[in-house]
Amino acid sequence: MRLAKSAYDITERHQAELALIHAKEQADFANRSKSEFLANMSHELRTPLNAIIGFAEIIKGQMFGPVGSAQYIEYAGDIFDSGQLLLSLINDILDMSKIEAGKRALVEAILNIEQIVQSVVRLVAARAKFGKLHLTTSVPKDLPALRGEERALKQILTNLLTNAIKFTPEGGDIKMTAYMDEKGRLCIKLADTGIGIAAEDIPLALAPFGQIESALSRKHQGTGLGLPLTKALVELHDGTLDLQSKLGEGTTVTLIFPVERVVGKV
């Protein structure tokens, strides 16, 4: 009797294990299908969107002669700006889908961090000035180079700076610092005095399509992909993203790249 019960227990456990394996396989398949669908959809959307942006730019710039009304030029400018924003969101979805599907490979080079930081700051400086924010950087001249992808690193820093500018009220401070830690890892830290994130909301902020509700965040709607995509791109470089924040006091994001990616001067 005991032998029969033991055999029954083993069979039941085996069936439970098979059910778990089957459920995991189905979940993996569904996730791959979702990622492939998003990648294909994003690609199909970009083709007509590029045409819309291109023609809006032609009309806005009156390349083939006067449009006839200043209001039409203003409308063309609005179409161009909206198209650029939509294209940026689609590119984020496409990148996230590729990463989730394991199809996002890095095009690596030896990168000068000071040059990349300066390049990214130039892109967002006007936005920071418009928001009456104090944006400063600190990158040592003798900082070693990093082996990574230039486009990805610029995307990472642009996402972080754009978020900091969006969620820091007028008169606030934003500072980006690059340094080597005691373990020989290259670190880039971005600290702001913005609205901050509650501790319990940090996991949501780092989850794809996660949205945190606040008075200021409602003014800046997006896909909720900025931080998750940034984190995924950092992890593609074998690095880690550490986010520390306190509601009403600001946010500090630290990117840590491993020793293996730190190389000599450019």
Protein backbone atom coordinates (compact mmCIF):
# COMPACT_ATOMS: atom_id res chain seq x y z
CA MET A 1 0.00 0.00 0.00
CA ARG A 2 2.81 2.41 0.94
CA LEU A 3 4.63 1.56 -2.34
CA ALA A 4 1.51 2.34 -4.37
CA LYS A 5 1.04 5.69 -2.58
CA SER A 6 4.74 6.56 -3.15
CA ALA A 7 4.44 5.78 -6.88
CA TYR A 8 1.29 7.93 -7.04
CA ASP A 9 3.12 10.86 -5.37
CA ILE A 10 6.02 10.61 -7.84
CA THR A 11 3.63 10.49 -10.80
CA GLU A 12 1.70 13.49 -9.49
CA ARG A 13 4.92 15.47 -8.95
CA HIS A 14 6.13 14.56 -12.44
CA GLN A 15 2.85 15.71 -13.98
CA ALA A 16 3.06 18.99 -12.05
CA GLU A 17 6.62 19.55 -13.32
CA LEU A 18 5.52 18.84 -16.91
CA ALA A 19 2.64 21.30 -16.52
CA LEU A 20 5.04 23.99 -15.27
CA ILE A 21 7.44 23.37 -18.16
CA HIS A 22 4.53 23.54 -20.63
CA ALA A 23 3.26 26.80 -19.08
CA LYS A 24 6.73 28.35 -19.24
CA GLU A 25 7.14 27.33 -22.89
CA GLN A 26 3.77 28.90 -23.72
CA ALA A 27 4.70 32.11 -21.87
CA ASP A 28 8.08 32.29 -23.68
CA PHE A 29 6.36 31.74 -27.03
CA ALA A 30 3.77 34.44 -26.27
CA ASN A 31 6.52 36.86 -25.23
CA ARG A 32 8.53 36.17 -28.41
CA SER A 33 5.41 36.59 -30.54
CA LYS A 34 4.63 39.91 -28.85
CA SER A 35 8.19 41.17 -29.36
CA GLU A 36 8.23 40.11 -33.02
CA PHE A 37 4.83 41.73 -33.61
CA LEU A 38 5.96 45.01 -32.04
CA ALA A 39 9.19 44.96 -34.05
CA ASN A 40 7.32 44.35 -37.33
CA MET A 41 4.62 46.91 -36.52
CA SER A 42 7.21 49.55 -35.58
CA HIS A 43 9.09 48.95 -38.83
CA GLU A 44 5.90 49.26 -40.90
CA LEU A 45 4.90 52.49 -39.13
CA ARG A 46 8.27 54.18 -39.64
CA THR A 47 8.10 54.13 -43.46
CA PRO A 48 4.97 56.32 -43.87
CA LEU A 49 5.94 58.41 -40.83
CA ASN A 50 9.28 59.33 -42.40
CA ALA A 51 7.38 60.54 -45.49
CA ILE A 52 5.07 62.68 -43.31
CA ILE A 53 8.05 64.21 -41.50
CA GLY A 54 9.91 64.82 -44.75
CA PHE A 55 7.03 66.54 -46.54
CA ALA A 56 6.17 68.58 -43.44
CA GLU A 57 9.77 69.81 -43.35
CA ILE A 58 9.59 70.79 -47.04
CA ILE A 59 6.37 72.79 -46.49
CA LYS A 60 7.69 74.33 -43.25
CA GLY A 61 10.86 75.47 -45.00
CA GLN A 62 8.96 76.60 -48.16
CA MET A 63 11.56 74.81 -50.28
CA PHE A 64 9.53 75.11 -53.51
CA GLY A 65 8.22 78.61 -52.98
CA PRO A 66 5.93 80.55 -50.62
CA VAL A 67 3.08 78.59 -49.06
CA GLY A 68 0.78 81.59 -49.04
CA SER A 69 -0.20 81.78 -45.38
CA ALA A 70 1.89 81.99 -42.21
CA GLN A 71 -0.65 79.77 -40.47
CA TYR A 72 0.01 76.92 -42.92
CA ILE A 73 3.74 77.16 -42.10
CA GLU A 74 2.87 76.97 -38.39
CA TYR A 75 0.69 73.89 -39.00
CA ALA A 76 3.48 72.24 -40.99
CA GLY A 77 5.82 72.89 -38.08
CA ASP A 78 3.34 71.25 -35.69
CA ILE A 79 3.06 68.21 -38.01
CA PHE A 80 6.86 67.99 -38.19
CA ASP A 81 7.31 68.22 -34.39
CA SER A 82 4.53 65.67 -33.73
CA GLY A 83 5.98 63.32 -36.34
CA GLN A 84 9.43 63.53 -34.75
CA LEU A 85 7.96 62.77 -31.32
CA LEU A 86 5.99 59.80 -32.67
CA LEU A 87 9.06 58.49 -34.49
CA SER A 88 11.07 58.70 -31.27
CA LEU A 89 8.40 56.69 -29.42
CA ILE A 90 8.27 54.07 -32.20
CA ASN A 91 12.06 53.75 -32.15
CA ASP A 92 11.92 53.15 -28.37
CA ILE A 93 9.31 50.40 -28.85
CA LEU A 94 11.39 48.84 -31.64
CA ASP A 95 14.56 48.88 -29.52
CA MET A 96 12.78 47.40 -26.51
CA SER A 97 11.22 44.69 -28.68
CA LYS A 98 14.61 43.78 -30.16
CA ILE A 99 16.19 43.56 -26.71
CA GLU A 100 13.36 41.39 -25.35
CA ALA A 101 13.61 39.12 -28.42
CA GLY A 102 17.40 38.89 -27.96
CA LYS A 103 18.02 40.46 -31.38
CA ARG A 104 19.65 43.74 -30.30
CA ALA A 105 23.40 43.46 -30.88
CA LEU A 106 25.90 46.18 -29.97
CA VAL A 107 28.09 47.85 -32.59
CA GLU A 108 31.09 48.43 -30.34
CA ALA A 109 33.88 50.98 -30.51
CA ILE A 110 36.28 52.70 -28.12
CA LEU A 111 34.36 55.68 -26.71
CA ASN A 112 35.57 58.97 -25.29
CA ILE A 113 33.13 59.66 -22.43
CA GLU A 114 33.88 63.39 -22.23
CA GLN A 115 33.02 63.88 -25.92
CA ILE A 116 29.81 61.85 -25.64
CA VAL A 117 28.66 63.74 -22.53
CA GLN A 118 29.33 67.10 -24.23
CA SER A 119 27.46 65.94 -27.36
CA VAL A 120 24.40 64.85 -25.37
CA VAL A 121 24.37 68.01 -23.22
CA ARG A 122 24.38 70.16 -26.39
CA LEU A 123 21.22 68.35 -27.53
CA VAL A 124 19.27 69.12 -24.35
CA ALA A 125 20.86 72.44 -23.28
CA ALA A 126 18.14 74.57 -24.90
CA ARG A 127 15.42 72.57 -23.11
CA ALA A 128 17.19 72.99 -19.77
CA LYS A 129 17.61 76.73 -20.36
CA PHE A 130 13.91 77.06 -21.30
CA GLY A 131 13.00 75.32 -18.04
CA LYS A 132 15.33 77.67 -16.10
CA LEU A 133 17.40 74.75 -14.83
CA HIS A 134 21.08 74.70 -13.86
CA LEU A 135 22.71 71.89 -15.89
CA THR A 136 26.36 71.11 -15.11
CA THR A 137 28.78 68.30 -15.94
CA SER A 138 32.00 66.98 -14.41
CA VAL A 139 34.17 64.59 -16.44
CA PRO A 140 37.90 64.22 -15.60
CA LYS A 141 40.25 64.83 -18.53
CA ASP A 142 42.17 61.64 -17.72
CA LEU A 143 39.06 59.41 -17.55
CA PRO A 144 39.71 56.10 -19.37
CA ALA A 145 37.71 55.19 -22.46
CA LEU A 146 34.80 52.74 -22.56
CA ARG A 147 34.25 49.87 -24.97
CA GLY A 148 30.63 50.11 -26.07
CA GLU A 149 28.17 51.37 -28.68
CA GLU A 150 28.16 55.12 -29.24
CA ARG A 151 24.50 55.30 -30.35
CA ALA A 152 23.34 53.27 -27.35
CA LEU A 153 25.36 55.31 -24.83
CA LYS A 154 24.06 58.58 -26.29
CA GLN A 155 20.53 57.17 -26.12
CA ILE A 156 21.06 56.18 -22.47
CA LEU A 157 22.35 59.62 -21.43
CA THR A 158 19.76 61.50 -23.52
CA ASN A 159 16.91 59.52 -21.94
CA LEU A 160 18.22 60.21 -18.43
CA LEU A 161 18.82 63.92 -19.06
CA THR A 162 15.44 64.36 -20.77
CA ASN A 163 13.69 62.72 -17.79
CA ALA A 164 15.61 64.92 -15.35
CA ILE A 165 14.66 68.07 -17.28
CA LYS A 166 11.00 67.01 -17.54
CA PHE A 167 10.59 66.31 -13.85
CA THR A 168 12.67 69.09 -12.30
CA PRO A 169 10.78 72.32 -11.51
CA GLU A 170 12.12 75.74 -12.48
CA GLY A 171 15.32 76.80 -10.72
CA GLY A 172 16.34 73.19 -10.04
CA ASP A 173 19.78 71.62 -10.46
CA ILE A 174 20.88 68.74 -12.70
CA LYS A 175 24.44 67.43 -12.57
CA MET A 176 26.11 64.68 -14.59
CA THR A 177 29.37 63.26 -13.23
CA ALA A 178 31.70 60.60 -14.62
CA TYR A 179 34.33 58.90 -12.46
CA MET A 180 36.17 55.66 -11.67
CA ASP A 181 35.10 53.83 -8.51
CA GLU A 182 37.37 51.96 -6.09
CA LYS A 183 36.85 48.71 -8.04
CA GLY A 184 38.11 50.20 -11.30
CA ARG A 185 34.64 50.44 -12.83
CA LEU A 186 33.57 53.42 -14.94
CA CYS A 187 30.54 55.19 -13.46
CA ILE A 188 28.28 57.94 -14.77
CA LYS A 189 25.99 59.59 -12.23
CA LEU A 190 23.07 61.91 -12.94
CA ALA A 191 21.56 63.74 -9.97
CA ASP A 192 18.61 66.15 -10.05
CA THR A 193 16.54 68.11 -7.54
CA GLY A 194 13.27 67.15 -9.22
CA ILE A 195 9.97 65.78 -7.94
CA GLY A 196 11.51 62.40 -7.13
CA ILE A 197 9.94 58.95 -7.01
CA ALA A 198 8.43 57.18 -4.01
CA ALA A 199 10.37 54.06 -2.99
CA GLU A 200 7.42 51.78 -3.75
CA ASP A 201 7.08 53.27 -7.27
CA ILE A 202 10.70 52.66 -8.35
CA PRO A 203 10.04 49.07 -9.61
CA LEU A 204 7.10 50.43 -11.68
CA ALA A 205 9.30 53.18 -13.14
CA LEU A 206 11.81 50.55 -14.29
CA ALA A 207 9.15 48.23 -15.77
CA PRO A 208 8.32 48.52 -19.50
CA PHE A 209 5.27 50.76 -20.10
CA GLY A 210 5.11 51.61 -16.39
CA GLN A 211 3.52 54.98 -15.62
CA ILE A 212 3.79 56.85 -12.31
CA GLU A 213 1.00 59.29 -11.55
CA SER A 214 1.89 62.75 -10.23
CA ALA A 215 0.86 66.34 -10.89
CA LEU A 216 3.99 67.03 -12.95
CA SER A 217 4.24 63.63 -14.66
CA ARG A 218 0.71 64.02 -16.09
CA LYS A 219 1.99 67.01 -18.09
CA HIS A 220 4.56 64.81 -19.84
CA GLN A 221 2.86 61.68 -21.17
CA GLY A 222 4.95 59.00 -22.89
CA THR A 223 5.21 55.27 -23.44
CA GLY A 224 6.87 54.62 -20.10
CA LEU A 225 9.86 53.13 -21.94
CA GLY A 226 12.54 55.72 -21.14
CA LEU A 227 13.96 54.18 -17.95
CA PRO A 228 13.32 50.50 -18.83
CA LEU A 229 15.00 50.95 -22.23
CA THR A 230 17.91 52.79 -20.59
CA LYS A 231 18.31 49.98 -18.05
CA ALA A 232 18.16 47.33 -20.80
CA LEU A 233 20.81 49.14 -22.89
CA VAL A 234 23.09 49.46 -19.85
CA GLU A 235 22.68 45.73 -19.15
CA LEU A 236 23.55 44.98 -22.80
CA HIS A 237 26.90 46.56 -21.91
CA ASP A 238 27.17 44.16 -18.92
CA GLY A 239 26.56 47.13 -16.64
CA THR A 240 24.03 48.00 -13.94
CA LEU A 241 21.67 50.92 -13.38
CA ASP A 242 21.10 52.03 -9.79
CA LEU A 243 18.20 54.40 -9.12
CA GLN A 244 17.90 56.19 -5.78
CA SER A 245 15.09 58.65 -5.24
CA LYS A 246 13.05 60.41 -2.58
CA LEU A 247 9.68 62.01 -3.22
CA GLY A 248 10.01 65.78 -3.36
CA GLU A 249 13.81 65.73 -3.04
CA GLY A 250 15.13 64.47 -6.37
CA THR A 251 16.56 61.43 -8.12
CA THR A 252 20.07 60.03 -8.58
CA VAL A 253 20.76 57.48 -11.30
CA THR A 254 24.15 55.78 -11.40
CA LEU A 255 25.36 53.75 -14.37
CA ILE A 256 28.14 51.28 -13.54
CA PHE A 257 30.15 49.70 -16.35
CA PRO A 258 32.38 46.70 -15.53
CA VAL A 259 36.18 46.71 -15.48
CA GLU A 260 36.19 44.51 -18.61
CA ARG A 261 34.76 47.42 -20.63
CA VAL A 262 37.21 50.04 -19.36
CA VAL A 263 40.15 50.61 -21.71
CA GLY A 264 43.07 53.03 -22.00
CA LYS A 265 42.79 56.55 -23.30
CA VAL A 266 41.30 57.10 -26.76
